[in-house]
Amino acid sequence: MIIRRAHHHDVKAIQTHNILLAEETEGVILHPDVTLRGVQAVLADETKGFYLIAEDNKTIVGQMLVTREWSDWRNTWIWWIGSIYVQKPWRNRGVFSRLVQSAEQEAKRQNVAFLRLYAHEQNRPALQVYTKQGWVQEPYVMYIREIQG
């Protein structure tokens, strides 16, 4: 298995994984065209983030999106990890660990303060993996406010 940055030719696999991820973890059905354009936007503009891909025998078996947040408290970047998906036959085989290790190595090179992620509170399998892998739950409560218009 290799971990690499995503390329434009990976767009359909990432789109498919994002759709599967939303349905599996939150019961949300994503619009394929919107999801495709969202993935294309990241791949076209690295300021939006980047994807790491886990690949085995030229087959994408997992992915992770990394986006950036500027921390004025620390005067450096924080990286958010999201859109984490590992194909079912590849779960519990170290794919997520390898993706995180790759992100951490790149983060160290770029003086990133730390990695953050969030998960749906009902996504018990993911929460167990994160805890097992040494992620620490923070005391923050997340809110959202949709912008209309």
C-alpha atoms as a PDB file:
ATOM      1  CA  MET A   1       0.000   0.000   0.000  1.00  0.00           C
ATOM      2  CA  ILE A   2       1.221   3.478  -0.827  1.00  0.00           C
ATOM      3  CA  ILE A   3       0.015   6.847   0.432  1.00  0.00           C
ATOM      4  CA  ARG A   4       0.111   9.704  -2.052  1.00  0.00           C
ATOM      5  CA  ARG A   5      -1.486  13.033  -2.866  1.00  0.00           C
ATOM      6  CA  ALA A   6      -4.592  12.820  -5.003  1.00  0.00           C
ATOM      7  CA  HIS A   7      -4.500  13.770  -8.672  1.00  0.00           C
ATOM      8  CA  HIS A   8      -7.236  14.869 -11.067  1.00  0.00           C
ATOM      9  CA  HIS A   9      -7.660  11.316 -12.348  1.00  0.00           C
ATOM     10  CA  ASP A  10      -8.783  10.281  -8.805  1.00  0.00           C
ATOM     11  CA  VAL A  11     -11.853  12.518  -8.835  1.00  0.00           C
ATOM     12  CA  LYS A  12     -14.470   9.804  -9.487  1.00  0.00           C
ATOM     13  CA  ALA A  13     -13.123   7.493  -6.777  1.00  0.00           C
ATOM     14  CA  ILE A  14     -13.064  10.334  -4.228  1.00  0.00           C
ATOM     15  CA  GLN A  15     -16.564  11.411  -5.230  1.00  0.00           C
ATOM     16  CA  THR A  16     -17.842   7.840  -4.826  1.00  0.00           C
ATOM     17  CA  HIS A  17     -16.174   7.480  -1.431  1.00  0.00           C
ATOM     18  CA  ASN A  18     -17.641  10.793  -0.234  1.00  0.00           C
ATOM     19  CA  ILE A  19     -21.127   9.688  -1.238  1.00  0.00           C
ATOM     20  CA  LEU A  20     -20.690   6.329   0.525  1.00  0.00           C
ATOM     21  CA  LEU A  21     -19.248   8.047   3.595  1.00  0.00           C
ATOM     22  CA  ALA A  22     -22.166  10.475   3.977  1.00  0.00           C
ATOM     23  CA  GLU A  23     -24.751   7.719   3.637  1.00  0.00           C
ATOM     24  CA  GLU A  24     -22.954   5.275   5.930  1.00  0.00           C
ATOM     25  CA  THR A  25     -22.102   7.678   8.743  1.00  0.00           C
ATOM     26  CA  GLU A  26     -24.961  10.179   8.740  1.00  0.00           C
ATOM     27  CA  GLY A  27     -27.675   8.735   6.516  1.00  0.00           C
ATOM     28  CA  VAL A  28     -27.229  11.715   4.187  1.00  0.00           C
ATOM     29  CA  ILE A  29     -27.695  11.303   0.444  1.00  0.00           C
ATOM     30  CA  LEU A  30     -25.345  13.651  -1.374  1.00  0.00           C
ATOM     31  CA  HIS A  31     -26.096  15.056  -4.821  1.00  0.00           C
ATOM     32  CA  PRO A  32     -23.507  13.438  -7.138  1.00  0.00           C
ATOM     33  CA  ASP A  33     -22.979  16.518  -9.330  1.00  0.00           C
ATOM     34  CA  VAL A  34     -22.429  18.806  -6.344  1.00  0.00           C
ATOM     35  CA  THR A  35     -20.067  16.290  -4.760  1.00  0.00           C
ATOM     36  CA  LEU A  36     -18.131  15.924  -8.010  1.00  0.00           C
ATOM     37  CA  ARG A  37     -17.711  19.694  -8.322  1.00  0.00           C
ATOM     38  CA  GLY A  38     -16.612  19.901  -4.679  1.00  0.00           C
ATOM     39  CA  VAL A  39     -13.884  17.309  -5.184  1.00  0.00           C
ATOM     40  CA  GLN A  40     -12.793  18.967  -8.425  1.00  0.00           C
ATOM     41  CA  ALA A  41     -12.569  22.318  -6.622  1.00  0.00           C
ATOM     42  CA  VAL A  42     -10.131  20.898  -4.058  1.00  0.00           C
ATOM     43  CA  LEU A  43      -8.032  19.217  -6.725  1.00  0.00           C
ATOM     44  CA  ALA A  44      -7.910  22.436  -8.766  1.00  0.00           C
ATOM     45  CA  ASP A  45      -7.007  24.743  -5.863  1.00  0.00           C
ATOM     46  CA  GLU A  46      -4.729  23.497  -3.100  1.00  0.00           C
ATOM     47  CA  THR A  47      -5.582  26.518  -0.937  1.00  0.00           C
ATOM     48  CA  LYS A  48      -8.874  24.689  -0.338  1.00  0.00           C
ATOM     49  CA  GLY A  49      -7.013  21.613   0.912  1.00  0.00           C
ATOM     50  CA  PHE A  50      -5.653  18.369  -0.452  1.00  0.00           C
ATOM     51  CA  TYR A  51      -6.532  14.696  -0.448  1.00  0.00           C
ATOM     52  CA  LEU A  52      -4.293  11.876   0.633  1.00  0.00           C
ATOM     53  CA  ILE A  53      -4.980   8.581  -1.076  1.00  0.00           C
ATOM     54  CA  ALA A  54      -4.238   5.052   0.121  1.00  0.00           C
ATOM     55  CA  GLU A  55      -3.645   2.874  -2.909  1.00  0.00           C
ATOM     56  CA  ASP A  56      -2.975  -0.835  -3.301  1.00  0.00           C
ATOM     57  CA  ASN A  57      -2.214  -2.347  -6.706  1.00  0.00           C
ATOM     58  CA  LYS A  58      -3.421   0.868  -8.373  1.00  0.00           C
ATOM     59  CA  THR A  59      -6.768   0.655  -6.559  1.00  0.00           C
ATOM     60  CA  ILE A  60      -7.807   3.443  -4.197  1.00  0.00           C
ATOM     61  CA  VAL A  61      -8.721   1.793  -0.902  1.00  0.00           C
ATOM     62  CA  GLY A  62      -8.916   4.885   1.320  1.00  0.00           C
ATOM     63  CA  GLN A  63      -8.804   8.658   1.392  1.00  0.00           C
ATOM     64  CA  MET A  64      -8.536  11.659   3.660  1.00  0.00           C
ATOM     65  CA  LEU A  65      -9.106  15.366   3.041  1.00  0.00           C
ATOM     66  CA  VAL A  66      -6.859  17.901   4.762  1.00  0.00           C
ATOM     67  CA  THR A  67      -8.038  21.510   5.067  1.00  0.00           C
ATOM     68  CA  ARG A  68      -6.305  24.412   6.768  1.00  0.00           C
ATOM     69  CA  GLU A  69      -7.318  26.828   9.525  1.00  0.00           C
ATOM     70  CA  TRP A  70      -5.165  29.760  10.596  1.00  0.00           C
ATOM     71  CA  SER A  71      -4.664  30.015  14.365  1.00  0.00           C
ATOM     72  CA  ASP A  72      -4.142  33.573  15.554  1.00  0.00           C
ATOM     73  CA  TRP A  73      -3.525  32.174  19.051  1.00  0.00           C
ATOM     74  CA  ARG A  74      -0.557  30.167  17.815  1.00  0.00           C
ATOM     75  CA  ASN A  75       0.446  32.165  14.739  1.00  0.00           C
ATOM     76  CA  THR A  76       0.499  28.989  12.677  1.00  0.00           C
ATOM     77  CA  TRP A  77      -1.714  26.541  10.851  1.00  0.00           C
ATOM     78  CA  ILE A  78      -4.025  23.863  12.176  1.00  0.00           C
ATOM     79  CA  TRP A  79      -4.988  21.098   9.789  1.00  0.00           C
ATOM     80  CA  TRP A  80      -8.462  19.596   9.821  1.00  0.00           C
ATOM     81  CA  ILE A  81      -8.871  16.026   8.645  1.00  0.00           C
ATOM     82  CA  GLY A  82     -12.152  15.049   7.024  1.00  0.00           C
ATOM     83  CA  SER A  83     -13.796  12.980   4.311  1.00  0.00           C
ATOM     84  CA  ILE A  84     -12.054   9.959   5.790  1.00  0.00           C
ATOM     85  CA  TYR A  85     -13.148   6.822   4.019  1.00  0.00           C
ATOM     86  CA  VAL A  86     -11.691   3.336   3.920  1.00  0.00           C
ATOM     87  CA  GLN A  87     -13.324   0.667   1.788  1.00  0.00           C
ATOM     88  CA  LYS A  88     -14.925  -2.014   3.977  1.00  0.00           C
ATOM     89  CA  PRO A  89     -12.561  -4.870   3.017  1.00  0.00           C
ATOM     90  CA  TRP A  90      -9.635  -2.635   4.000  1.00  0.00           C
ATOM     91  CA  ARG A  91     -10.866  -1.575   7.420  1.00  0.00           C
ATOM     92  CA  ASN A  92      -8.799  -2.641  10.429  1.00  0.00           C
ATOM     93  CA  ARG A  93      -5.794  -3.117   8.169  1.00  0.00           C
ATOM     94  CA  GLY A  94      -3.886   0.065   8.997  1.00  0.00           C
ATOM     95  CA  VAL A  95      -5.153   2.273   6.157  1.00  0.00           C
ATOM     96  CA  PHE A  96      -6.344   5.094   8.423  1.00  0.00           C
ATOM     97  CA  SER A  97      -3.126   4.915  10.456  1.00  0.00           C
ATOM     98  CA  ARG A  98      -1.008   5.218   7.338  1.00  0.00           C
ATOM     99  CA  LEU A  99      -3.047   8.178   6.077  1.00  0.00           C
ATOM    100  CA  VAL A 100      -2.659   9.965   9.423  1.00  0.00           C
ATOM    101  CA  GLN A 101       1.068   9.216   9.570  1.00  0.00           C
ATOM    102  CA  SER A 102       1.504  10.731   6.134  1.00  0.00           C
ATOM    103  CA  ALA A 103      -0.472  13.838   7.142  1.00  0.00           C
ATOM    104  CA  GLU A 104       1.571  14.169  10.341  1.00  0.00           C
ATOM    105  CA  GLN A 105       4.869  13.949   8.456  1.00  0.00           C
ATOM    106  CA  GLU A 106       3.791  16.670   6.040  1.00  0.00           C
ATOM    107  CA  ALA A 107       2.413  18.773   8.912  1.00  0.00           C
ATOM    108  CA  LYS A 108       5.769  18.623  10.714  1.00  0.00           C
ATOM    109  CA  ARG A 109       7.563  19.804   7.571  1.00  0.00           C
ATOM    110  CA  GLN A 110       5.171  22.767   7.371  1.00  0.00           C
ATOM    111  CA  ASN A 111       5.229  23.664  11.106  1.00  0.00           C
ATOM    112  CA  VAL A 112       1.540  22.900  11.614  1.00  0.00           C
ATOM    113  CA  ALA A 113       0.493  23.183  15.283  1.00  0.00           C
ATOM    114  CA  PHE A 114      -1.733  20.098  15.333  1.00  0.00           C
ATOM    115  CA  LEU A 115      -4.313  18.029  13.519  1.00  0.00           C
ATOM    116  CA  ARG A 116      -8.000  18.155  14.346  1.00  0.00           C
ATOM    117  CA  LEU A 117     -10.967  16.151  13.199  1.00  0.00           C
ATOM    118  CA  TYR A 118     -14.613  15.869  13.964  1.00  0.00           C
ATOM    119  CA  ALA A 119     -17.004  12.976  13.684  1.00  0.00           C
ATOM    120  CA  HIS A 120     -20.732  12.494  13.984  1.00  0.00           C
ATOM    121  CA  GLU A 121     -21.537  11.512  17.562  1.00  0.00           C
ATOM    122  CA  GLN A 122     -23.412   8.413  16.336  1.00  0.00           C
ATOM    123  CA  ASN A 123     -20.471   7.178  14.246  1.00  0.00           C
ATOM    124  CA  ARG A 124     -19.314   4.801  16.977  1.00  0.00           C
ATOM    125  CA  PRO A 125     -16.880   2.794  14.827  1.00  0.00           C
ATOM    126  CA  ALA A 126     -14.999   5.969  13.861  1.00  0.00           C
ATOM    127  CA  LEU A 127     -14.989   7.284  17.437  1.00  0.00           C
ATOM    128  CA  GLN A 128     -13.524   3.997  18.657  1.00  0.00           C
ATOM    129  CA  VAL A 129     -10.799   4.089  15.999  1.00  0.00           C
ATOM    130  CA  TYR A 130      -9.860   7.676  16.841  1.00  0.00           C
ATOM    131  CA  THR A 131      -9.636   6.937  20.568  1.00  0.00           C
ATOM    132  CA  LYS A 132      -7.674   3.724  19.985  1.00  0.00           C
ATOM    133  CA  GLN A 133      -5.226   5.634  17.785  1.00  0.00           C
ATOM    134  CA  GLY A 134      -4.510   8.255  20.437  1.00  0.00           C
ATOM    135  CA  TRP A 135      -6.758  11.120  19.375  1.00  0.00           C
ATOM    136  CA  VAL A 136      -8.044  13.120  22.354  1.00  0.00           C
ATOM    137  CA  GLN A 137     -11.613  14.401  22.509  1.00  0.00           C
ATOM    138  CA  GLU A 138     -11.679  18.160  22.966  1.00  0.00           C
ATOM    139  CA  PRO A 139     -14.162  19.979  25.222  1.00  0.00           C
ATOM    140  CA  TYR A 140     -15.685  22.037  22.413  1.00  0.00           C
ATOM    141  CA  VAL A 141     -19.273  21.933  21.223  1.00  0.00           C
ATOM    142  CA  MET A 142     -19.743  22.509  17.524  1.00  0.00           C
ATOM    143  CA  TYR A 143     -22.520  24.683  16.087  1.00  0.00           C
ATOM    144  CA  ILE A 144     -23.551  25.463  12.531  1.00  0.00           C
ATOM    145  CA  ARG A 145     -25.468  28.340  11.040  1.00  0.00           C
ATOM    146  CA  GLU A 146     -26.549  28.021   7.452  1.00  0.00           C
ATOM    147  CA  ILE A 147     -26.295  31.149   5.315  1.00  0.00           C
ATOM    148  CA  GLN A 148     -29.444  31.707   3.300  1.00  0.00           C
ATOM    149  CA  GLY A 149     -29.621  33.557   0.045  1.00  0.00           C
END
